[in-house]
């Protein structure tokens, strides 16, 4: 739904549902409504579950035209200034058109996503919601549990208390809540924790950026994981290309919506089978994922072998700088360091000479000078330490992360072993600049 400037609504305005329903008429097999010189109709865009490979819902989208048949964009339909009475009537009538068309051949066990106007949703008080859900159930035979009310996150920023109250009312009457356009503008995780929407729709701008930027893609993977921990399903909307679909699969998104899988149309999408595009994306993704894993393993193999060799030398009593010389000579290798059984660093970092010379005195290096001396630092929280002590003698590899000694991404390889002189487990670590791999 296109964002519309929201204004506080302090009371629910009366709407005669029966009067509005009387404005519906059948035209060519679909329901439309004529109101204030406008013809209001519905289109539906399918929403697919990536795991199930089938349609699980549709988003209802308003299609309006004037007396001459020219399209009228939805924001223009609702651009009524301070005339809230008329705004309520148009909003209700638009929903009635969607519900009537959906009820013509209602699919079993599918959601209907309905947009909530940001300037009105804060006025969905108890009576308003009851009137709406009663109308839905008795007139259209749709259980409220099949309705997903899409709430723009921007509405929460302008009238948070009213919108939160409306969300509670809608949920108490059985409706599900989707937080729309998350990631656009000033998104706030606190709202997700507090409101606990059943579904969060990631804004298309995030998906498009992730498709062309590996760093953004890694961030999206973490974002989806956090949203899952909040208890929400994640829907990626605006999927138009195969690369954007790969983002959805790689990040473990639950639901997808976009032109690649189905354009908005007057009829509901067939539920019997997945579109060819979805089958093709799954097939290509599986092959691509295997290739990426193999390519990543191949690129890291020299570093893994060199670190394992360094650990064998250190078990025989060879000092760290000598044992790690072959590792630090590899392209992109930055430093090696030792951790004790408690995760504390033993001694200082052992830097590759070329790295030390290249960064000496540079502003980018000086900016992180307060973090460069790591003697005695505790790294027990780090995955490279925990995984290594859980599986001694096996080389571990991390995902890319930002180093504390510079403004770039690194990968850490690590291995736990017991030196000959002591029985205590120690962990040898080596950092590799990610952009070299």
Protein backbone atom coordinates (compact mmCIF):
# COMPACT_ATOMS: atom_id res chain seq x y z
CA UNK A 1 0.00 0.00 0.00
CA UNK A 2 1.31 3.43 -0.88
CA UNK A 3 2.04 5.49 2.22
CA UNK A 4 -0.42 8.28 2.90
CA UNK A 5 0.17 11.01 5.43
CA UNK A 6 -1.53 9.98 8.64
CA UNK A 7 -3.51 12.29 10.87
CA UNK A 8 -4.69 11.34 14.37
CA UNK A 9 -8.20 9.91 14.60
CA UNK A 10 -9.67 10.32 18.06
CA UNK A 11 -13.03 8.63 17.49
CA UNK A 12 -14.48 5.97 15.26
CA UNK A 13 -16.78 7.55 12.70
CA UNK A 14 -20.10 5.79 12.10
CA UNK A 15 -20.26 3.72 8.94
CA UNK A 16 -23.47 2.07 7.77
CA UNK A 17 -22.11 -1.25 6.49
CA UNK A 18 -25.46 -2.24 5.03
CA UNK A 19 -25.70 0.99 3.03
CA UNK A 20 -22.21 0.50 1.63
CA UNK A 21 -22.83 -3.13 0.74
CA UNK A 22 -25.85 -2.06 -1.27
CA UNK A 23 -23.49 -0.14 -3.58
CA UNK A 24 -21.85 -3.38 -4.75
CA UNK A 25 -22.88 -4.67 -8.16
CA UNK A 26 -21.85 -7.57 -10.37
CA UNK A 27 -20.11 -6.68 -13.61
CA UNK A 28 -18.64 -9.33 -15.88
CA UNK A 29 -18.29 -11.90 -13.12
CA UNK A 30 -16.67 -9.57 -10.57
CA UNK A 31 -17.98 -7.12 -8.02
CA UNK A 32 -17.42 -3.40 -8.41
CA UNK A 33 -18.77 -0.29 -6.71
CA UNK A 34 -19.60 3.16 -8.07
CA UNK A 35 -19.01 5.97 -5.62
CA UNK A 36 -18.39 9.71 -5.98
CA UNK A 37 -17.65 9.41 -9.70
CA UNK A 38 -15.24 6.52 -9.19
CA UNK A 39 -15.46 2.87 -10.17
CA UNK A 40 -13.79 0.71 -7.50
CA UNK A 41 -12.59 -2.80 -8.35
CA UNK A 42 -10.20 -5.41 -6.98
CA UNK A 43 -7.01 -7.09 -8.05
CA UNK A 44 -5.32 -9.84 -6.06
CA UNK A 45 -1.61 -10.65 -5.92
CA UNK A 46 -0.71 -14.18 -4.77
CA UNK A 47 1.55 -14.79 -1.78
CA UNK A 48 3.55 -18.01 -1.80
CA UNK A 49 5.15 -20.09 0.91
CA UNK A 50 8.68 -20.94 -0.19
CA UNK A 51 8.67 -24.18 1.79
CA UNK A 52 5.20 -25.37 0.78
CA UNK A 53 5.62 -24.26 -2.82
CA UNK A 54 2.03 -23.06 -3.13
CA UNK A 55 -0.26 -20.09 -2.69
CA UNK A 56 -1.09 -19.39 0.95
CA UNK A 57 -2.82 -16.05 0.51
CA UNK A 58 -3.56 -13.00 -1.63
CA UNK A 59 -3.12 -9.30 -1.06
CA UNK A 60 -6.16 -7.30 -2.14
CA UNK A 61 -5.23 -4.20 -4.15
CA UNK A 62 -7.58 -1.39 -5.13
CA UNK A 63 -8.06 -0.58 -8.81
CA UNK A 64 -10.02 2.63 -9.40
CA UNK A 65 -11.04 4.52 -12.52
CA UNK A 66 -12.97 7.71 -13.27
CA UNK A 67 -16.11 8.18 -15.39
CA UNK A 68 -13.99 8.14 -18.56
CA UNK A 69 -12.33 4.85 -17.59
CA UNK A 70 -8.99 6.45 -16.80
CA UNK A 71 -7.03 4.83 -13.94
CA UNK A 72 -7.00 6.72 -10.65
CA UNK A 73 -4.10 5.83 -8.31
CA UNK A 74 -5.18 4.70 -4.81
CA UNK A 75 -3.46 7.64 -3.06
CA UNK A 76 -5.60 9.98 -5.16
CA UNK A 77 -8.77 8.05 -4.26
CA UNK A 78 -8.07 8.67 -0.57
CA UNK A 79 -6.69 12.19 -0.90
CA UNK A 80 -9.60 13.92 0.83
CA UNK A 81 -7.92 16.33 3.19
CA UNK A 82 -9.84 16.62 6.47
CA UNK A 83 -13.04 14.97 5.23
CA UNK A 84 -12.77 11.93 7.51
CA UNK A 85 -16.40 10.89 7.03
CA UNK A 86 -15.88 10.40 3.30
CA UNK A 87 -12.49 8.80 3.91
CA UNK A 88 -14.12 6.20 6.16
CA UNK A 89 -16.80 5.51 3.55
CA UNK A 90 -14.27 4.97 0.75
CA UNK A 91 -12.06 2.82 2.96
CA UNK A 92 -14.96 0.60 3.98
CA UNK A 93 -16.29 0.39 0.44
CA UNK A 94 -12.88 -0.60 -0.92
CA UNK A 95 -12.67 -3.39 1.64
CA UNK A 96 -16.22 -4.49 0.81
CA UNK A 97 -15.32 -4.79 -2.88
CA UNK A 98 -12.26 -6.91 -2.01
CA UNK A 99 -14.23 -9.18 0.30
CA UNK A 100 -17.06 -9.64 -2.20
CA UNK A 101 -14.66 -10.64 -4.98
CA UNK A 102 -12.71 -12.93 -2.68
CA UNK A 103 -15.94 -14.62 -1.58
CA UNK A 104 -16.96 -15.48 -5.17
CA UNK A 105 -14.72 -18.56 -5.06
CA UNK A 106 -13.03 -18.50 -1.65
CA UNK A 107 -9.96 -20.76 -1.54
CA UNK A 108 -9.69 -23.10 1.42
CA UNK A 109 -7.13 -22.29 4.09
CA UNK A 110 -5.73 -19.13 2.54
CA UNK A 111 -5.23 -15.66 3.97
CA UNK A 112 -6.66 -12.47 2.57
CA UNK A 113 -4.34 -9.51 3.18
CA UNK A 114 -6.19 -6.20 3.52
CA UNK A 115 -4.45 -2.84 3.76
CA UNK A 116 -5.39 -0.58 6.65
CA UNK A 117 -5.45 3.12 5.79
CA UNK A 118 -2.81 4.76 8.02
CA UNK A 119 -4.97 7.79 8.75
CA UNK A 120 -7.90 5.61 9.89
CA UNK A 121 -6.54 2.48 11.51
CA UNK A 122 -5.91 4.31 14.76
CA UNK A 123 -9.68 4.75 14.96
CA UNK A 124 -10.50 1.03 14.82
CA UNK A 125 -12.12 0.92 18.23
CA UNK A 126 -13.98 -2.02 19.69
CA UNK A 127 -17.28 -1.27 17.95
CA UNK A 128 -15.59 -0.61 14.62
CA UNK A 129 -13.71 -3.89 14.64
CA UNK A 130 -16.77 -5.86 15.76
CA UNK A 131 -18.87 -4.32 12.99
CA UNK A 132 -16.19 -5.17 10.44
CA UNK A 133 -15.64 -8.78 11.54
CA UNK A 134 -19.38 -9.43 11.89
CA UNK A 135 -19.91 -8.15 8.36
CA UNK A 136 -17.07 -10.29 7.06
CA UNK A 137 -18.40 -13.43 8.71
CA UNK A 138 -22.13 -13.06 8.09
CA UNK A 139 -22.14 -11.39 4.66
CA UNK A 140 -19.09 -13.02 3.07
CA UNK A 141 -18.58 -16.19 5.10
CA UNK A 142 -14.90 -15.48 5.74
CA UNK A 143 -13.60 -16.32 9.24
CA UNK A 144 -11.68 -13.38 10.78
CA UNK A 145 -8.74 -15.76 11.28
CA UNK A 146 -8.28 -15.73 7.50
CA UNK A 147 -7.84 -11.95 7.45
CA UNK A 148 -4.42 -10.34 7.69
CA UNK A 149 -4.61 -6.61 8.37
CA UNK A 150 -1.56 -4.83 6.93
CA UNK A 151 -0.44 -1.91 9.09
CA UNK A 152 2.13 0.51 7.73
CA UNK A 153 5.02 0.93 10.14
CA UNK A 154 4.91 4.68 9.48
CA UNK A 155 1.46 4.81 11.12
CA UNK A 156 3.02 3.56 14.35
CA UNK A 157 5.43 6.46 14.33
CA UNK A 158 2.70 9.12 13.98
CA UNK A 159 0.00 7.75 16.29
CA UNK A 160 1.50 4.85 18.25
CA UNK A 161 -1.02 4.56 21.10
CA UNK A 162 -4.09 4.64 18.86
CA UNK A 163 -2.63 2.14 16.39
CA UNK A 164 -1.51 -0.22 19.16
CA UNK A 165 -5.00 -0.17 20.64
CA UNK A 166 -6.51 -0.91 17.21
CA UNK A 167 -4.09 -3.80 16.72
CA UNK A 168 -5.15 -5.29 20.03
CA UNK A 169 -8.82 -4.94 19.09
CA UNK A 170 -8.32 -6.52 15.67
CA UNK A 171 -6.34 -9.41 17.12
CA UNK A 172 -8.91 -10.04 19.88
CA UNK A 173 -11.53 -10.47 17.17
CA UNK A 174 -9.42 -13.07 15.39
CA UNK A 175 -7.58 -11.06 12.72
CA UNK A 176 -3.86 -11.45 12.11
CA UNK A 177 -1.54 -8.46 11.89
CA UNK A 178 1.16 -7.84 9.28
CA UNK A 179 3.63 -5.00 9.79
CA UNK A 180 4.11 -3.57 6.31
CA UNK A 181 7.14 -1.90 4.69
CA UNK A 182 9.56 -2.89 7.47
CA UNK A 183 13.01 -1.57 6.62
CA UNK A 184 11.75 1.55 4.84
CA UNK A 185 12.54 4.76 6.64
CA UNK A 186 13.09 4.57 10.39
CA UNK A 187 12.24 0.99 11.24
CA UNK A 188 12.19 0.13 14.91
CA UNK A 189 12.69 -3.37 16.33
CA UNK A 190 11.10 -2.24 19.55
CA UNK A 191 7.76 -2.09 17.72
CA UNK A 192 8.14 -5.68 16.60
CA UNK A 193 8.96 -6.88 20.11
CA UNK A 194 6.07 -4.89 21.57
CA UNK A 195 3.35 -5.55 18.99
CA UNK A 196 4.38 -9.09 18.04
CA UNK A 197 2.87 -9.06 14.53
CA UNK A 198 2.23 -12.49 13.09
CA UNK A 199 3.87 -11.41 9.80
CA UNK A 200 6.49 -8.79 8.96
CA UNK A 201 6.72 -7.66 5.33
CA UNK A 202 10.21 -6.54 4.36
CA UNK A 203 10.25 -3.50 2.13
CA UNK A 204 11.21 -4.10 -1.49
CA UNK A 205 14.09 -1.60 -1.25
CA UNK A 206 15.92 -3.94 1.15
CA UNK A 207 15.46 -6.94 -1.12
CA UNK A 208 16.61 -5.05 -4.21
CA UNK A 209 19.74 -3.79 -2.45
CA UNK A 210 20.57 -7.22 -1.08
CA UNK A 211 20.36 -8.73 -4.57
CA UNK A 212 23.26 -6.56 -5.71
CA UNK A 213 25.36 -6.26 -2.56
CA UNK A 214 26.82 -9.20 -0.64
CA UNK A 215 27.26 -7.12 2.51
CA UNK A 216 23.57 -6.13 2.51
CA UNK A 217 22.61 -9.74 1.82
CA UNK A 218 24.47 -10.91 4.93
CA UNK A 219 22.63 -8.23 6.90
CA UNK A 220 19.26 -9.41 5.54
CA UNK A 221 20.05 -12.96 6.66
CA UNK A 222 20.59 -11.70 10.22
CA UNK A 223 17.52 -9.45 10.02
CA UNK A 224 15.28 -12.37 9.08
CA UNK A 225 16.76 -14.44 11.90
CA UNK A 226 16.00 -11.68 14.42
CA UNK A 227 12.43 -11.32 13.15
CA UNK A 228 11.96 -15.07 13.54
CA UNK A 229 13.19 -14.78 17.12
CA UNK A 230 10.54 -12.09 17.63
CA UNK A 231 7.96 -14.70 16.71
CA UNK A 232 7.06 -13.35 13.27
CA UNK A 233 6.86 -14.94 9.86
CA UNK A 234 8.83 -12.96 7.28
CA UNK A 235 7.36 -12.02 3.90
CA UNK A 236 9.61 -10.53 1.23
CA UNK A 237 7.57 -8.44 -1.16
CA UNK A 238 8.44 -6.98 -4.53
CA UNK A 239 10.36 -10.02 -5.79
CA UNK A 240 10.90 -9.33 -9.48
CA UNK A 241 14.13 -11.14 -10.42
CA UNK A 242 15.70 -14.53 -9.82
CA UNK A 243 18.51 -12.89 -7.87
CA UNK A 244 15.99 -11.32 -5.49
CA UNK A 245 14.33 -14.72 -5.07
CA UNK A 246 17.74 -16.15 -4.14
CA UNK A 247 17.92 -13.53 -1.37
CA UNK A 248 14.62 -14.79 0.01
CA UNK A 249 15.77 -18.42 -0.05
CA UNK A 250 19.22 -17.71 1.36
CA UNK A 251 17.83 -15.64 4.22
CA UNK A 252 15.19 -18.28 5.12
CA UNK A 253 12.22 -15.99 4.45
CA UNK A 254 8.89 -17.74 4.88
CA UNK A 255 6.71 -16.05 2.27
CA UNK A 256 7.26 -14.21 -1.02
CA UNK A 257 5.24 -11.89 -3.21
CA UNK A 258 6.13 -10.19 -6.45
CA UNK A 259 5.95 -10.06 -10.22
CA UNK A 260 8.33 -13.01 -10.58
CA UNK A 261 5.69 -15.31 -9.09
CA UNK A 262 2.46 -13.59 -10.02
CA UNK A 263 1.15 -10.18 -11.02
CA UNK A 264 -2.00 -8.65 -9.53
CA UNK A 265 -5.10 -9.74 -11.43
CA UNK A 266 -8.85 -9.79 -10.96
CA UNK A 267 -8.98 -13.56 -10.44
CA UNK A 268 -7.36 -15.43 -7.57
CA UNK A 269 -4.31 -17.50 -8.48
CA UNK A 270 -4.82 -21.23 -8.89
CA UNK A 271 -3.80 -23.13 -5.78
CA UNK A 272 -3.09 -26.50 -7.36
CA UNK A 273 0.56 -26.01 -8.25
CA UNK A 274 3.49 -23.70 -7.82
CA UNK A 275 4.37 -21.35 -10.67
CA UNK A 276 7.21 -22.44 -12.92
CA UNK A 277 9.28 -19.53 -11.65
CA UNK A 278 9.18 -20.85 -8.09
CA UNK A 279 10.19 -24.35 -9.14
CA UNK A 280 13.03 -22.94 -11.24
CA UNK A 281 14.28 -20.74 -8.40
CA UNK A 282 14.41 -23.69 -6.02
CA UNK A 283 16.24 -25.84 -8.56
CA UNK A 284 18.77 -23.15 -9.41
CA UNK A 285 19.24 -22.19 -5.77
CA UNK A 286 20.11 -25.72 -4.69
CA UNK A 287 22.76 -25.97 -7.39
CA UNK A 288 24.09 -22.51 -6.69
CA UNK A 289 24.25 -23.13 -2.95
CA UNK A 290 26.30 -26.30 -3.48
CA UNK A 291 28.62 -24.48 -5.88
CA UNK A 292 29.09 -21.60 -3.43
CA UNK A 293 29.85 -23.99 -0.60
CA UNK A 294 32.41 -25.85 -2.68
CA UNK A 295 33.96 -22.63 -3.97
CA UNK A 296 34.16 -21.20 -0.45
CA UNK A 297 35.74 -24.38 0.86
CA UNK A 298 38.26 -24.38 -2.00
CA UNK A 299 39.24 -20.76 -1.35
CA UNK A 300 39.71 -21.34 2.37
CA UNK A 301 41.45 -24.70 2.09
CA UNK A 302 45.02 -23.29 1.88
CA UNK A 303 44.41 -21.24 5.03
CA UNK A 304 42.91 -24.22 6.87
CA UNK A 305 45.85 -26.44 5.95
CA UNK A 306 48.41 -23.79 6.89
CA UNK A 307 46.77 -23.20 10.28
CA UNK A 308 46.59 -26.92 11.00
CA UNK A 309 50.27 -27.24 10.14
CA UNK A 310 51.04 -24.28 12.43
CA UNK A 311 49.19 -26.02 15.29
CA UNK A 312 51.27 -29.18 14.80
CA UNK A 313 54.45 -27.11 14.97
CA UNK A 314 53.31 -25.37 18.13
CA UNK A 315 52.48 -28.71 19.75
CA UNK A 316 56.14 -29.56 19.19
CA UNK A 317 57.23 -26.35 20.91
CA UNK A 318 57.78 -24.05 17.91
CA UNK A 319 57.01 -20.38 18.84
CA UNK A 320 53.98 -18.64 17.34
CA UNK A 321 55.75 -16.33 14.81
CA UNK A 322 57.74 -19.21 13.32
CA UNK A 323 54.89 -21.71 13.35
CA UNK A 324 52.52 -19.27 11.61
CA UNK A 325 54.98 -17.96 9.01
CA UNK A 326 53.51 -20.04 6.16
CA UNK A 327 49.96 -18.99 7.07
CA UNK A 328 50.87 -15.29 7.19
CA UNK A 329 52.56 -15.53 3.78
CA UNK A 330 49.25 -16.46 2.13
CA UNK A 331 47.40 -13.66 0.26
CA UNK A 332 45.03 -11.82 2.54
CA UNK A 333 46.24 -13.46 5.76
CA UNK A 334 46.39 -10.69 8.38
CA UNK A 335 47.38 -12.04 11.77
CA UNK A 336 47.56 -15.02 14.11
CA UNK A 337 46.96 -15.18 17.86
CA UNK A 338 46.61 -17.69 20.69
CA UNK A 339 43.79 -18.11 23.17
CA UNK A 340 43.85 -19.97 26.46
CA UNK A 341 41.26 -22.44 27.70
CA UNK A 342 39.28 -19.55 29.18
CA UNK A 343 39.24 -17.60 25.92
CA UNK A 344 41.82 -15.02 27.04
CA UNK A 345 44.42 -14.03 24.47
CA UNK A 346 47.93 -15.19 25.24
CA UNK A 347 50.42 -12.53 24.19
CA UNK A 348 49.97 -10.04 21.36
CA UNK A 349 48.83 -10.44 17.78
CA UNK A 350 51.37 -11.81 15.33
CA UNK A 351 50.89 -9.68 12.20
CA UNK A 352 51.80 -10.47 8.63
CA UNK A 353 54.73 -8.17 7.85
CA UNK A 354 53.16 -6.80 4.66
CA UNK A 355 49.97 -5.92 6.58
CA UNK A 356 51.92 -4.20 9.32
CA UNK A 357 53.90 -2.16 6.81
CA UNK A 358 50.89 -1.31 4.63
CA UNK A 359 48.78 -0.04 7.52
CA UNK A 360 51.47 1.63 9.60
CA UNK A 361 50.48 5.26 10.14
CA UNK A 362 47.45 5.19 7.85
CA UNK A 363 44.38 7.09 9.13
CA UNK A 364 42.14 4.03 8.72
CA UNK A 365 44.51 2.04 10.90
CA UNK A 366 45.03 4.80 13.45
CA UNK A 367 41.29 5.12 13.90
CA UNK A 368 41.19 1.64 15.44
CA UNK A 369 44.43 1.97 17.40
CA UNK A 370 42.60 1.73 20.78
CA UNK A 371 41.62 -1.86 19.92
CA UNK A 372 44.84 -3.12 18.40
CA UNK A 373 46.55 -4.23 21.61
CA UNK A 374 44.65 -7.44 22.36
CA UNK A 375 46.90 -8.93 25.06
CA UNK A 376 44.71 -10.46 27.75
CA UNK A 377 41.47 -9.78 25.82
CA UNK A 378 38.68 -12.31 26.36
CA UNK A 379 37.30 -13.89 23.19
CA UNK A 380 35.32 -16.71 24.82
CA UNK A 381 32.06 -15.38 23.31
CA UNK A 382 33.34 -15.67 19.76
CA UNK A 383 32.14 -18.54 17.54
CA UNK A 384 35.70 -19.33 16.46
CA UNK A 385 36.62 -20.06 20.10
CA UNK A 386 33.50 -21.96 21.11
CA UNK A 387 33.43 -24.20 18.05
CA UNK A 388 37.12 -24.96 18.31
CA UNK A 389 37.00 -26.11 21.95
CA UNK A 390 33.92 -28.23 21.19
CA UNK A 391 35.76 -30.06 18.41
CA UNK A 392 39.51 -30.16 19.19
CA UNK A 393 41.94 -30.82 16.33
CA UNK A 394 39.35 -29.76 13.73
CA UNK A 395 39.76 -26.46 11.88
CA UNK A 396 36.75 -24.14 12.22
CA UNK A 397 35.72 -21.27 9.95
CA UNK A 398 33.49 -18.28 10.75
CA UNK A 399 31.15 -16.23 8.63
CA UNK A 400 32.50 -12.82 7.58
CA UNK A 401 32.37 -10.22 10.34
CA UNK A 402 33.79 -6.77 11.00
CA UNK A 403 37.17 -6.91 12.70
CA UNK A 404 37.97 -4.88 15.80
CA UNK A 405 41.33 -3.84 14.37
CA UNK A 406 40.05 -2.22 11.18
CA UNK A 407 37.03 -1.15 9.18
CA UNK A 408 36.70 -4.24 7.00
CA UNK A 409 35.34 -7.79 7.04
CA UNK A 410 37.43 -10.79 8.00
CA UNK A 411 37.04 -14.54 8.32
CA UNK A 412 38.67 -16.36 11.23
CA UNK A 413 39.97 -19.91 11.03
CA UNK A 414 40.74 -21.62 14.33
CA UNK A 415 41.85 -24.93 15.82
CA UNK A 416 42.08 -26.19 19.41
CA UNK A 417 44.99 -28.36 20.54
CA UNK A 418 46.99 -29.21 23.65
CA UNK A 419 50.69 -28.13 23.52
CA UNK A 420 53.29 -30.69 24.51
CA UNK A 421 54.39 -28.65 27.52
CA UNK A 422 50.91 -28.46 29.09
CA UNK A 423 47.70 -30.45 29.19
CA UNK A 424 45.53 -27.35 28.92
CA UNK A 425 43.67 -26.79 25.69
CA UNK A 426 44.62 -23.75 23.64
CA UNK A 427 43.13 -22.26 20.47
CA UNK A 428 45.19 -20.98 17.54
CA UNK A 429 43.40 -18.40 15.40
CA UNK A 430 44.16 -16.75 12.09
CA UNK A 431 42.31 -13.85 10.41
CA UNK A 432 41.91 -13.51 6.65
CA UNK A 433 40.63 -10.38 4.88
CA UNK A 434 37.27 -11.32 3.35
CA UNK A 435 37.72 -9.29 0.16
CA UNK A 436 40.67 -11.49 -0.83
CA UNK A 437 38.63 -14.69 -0.84
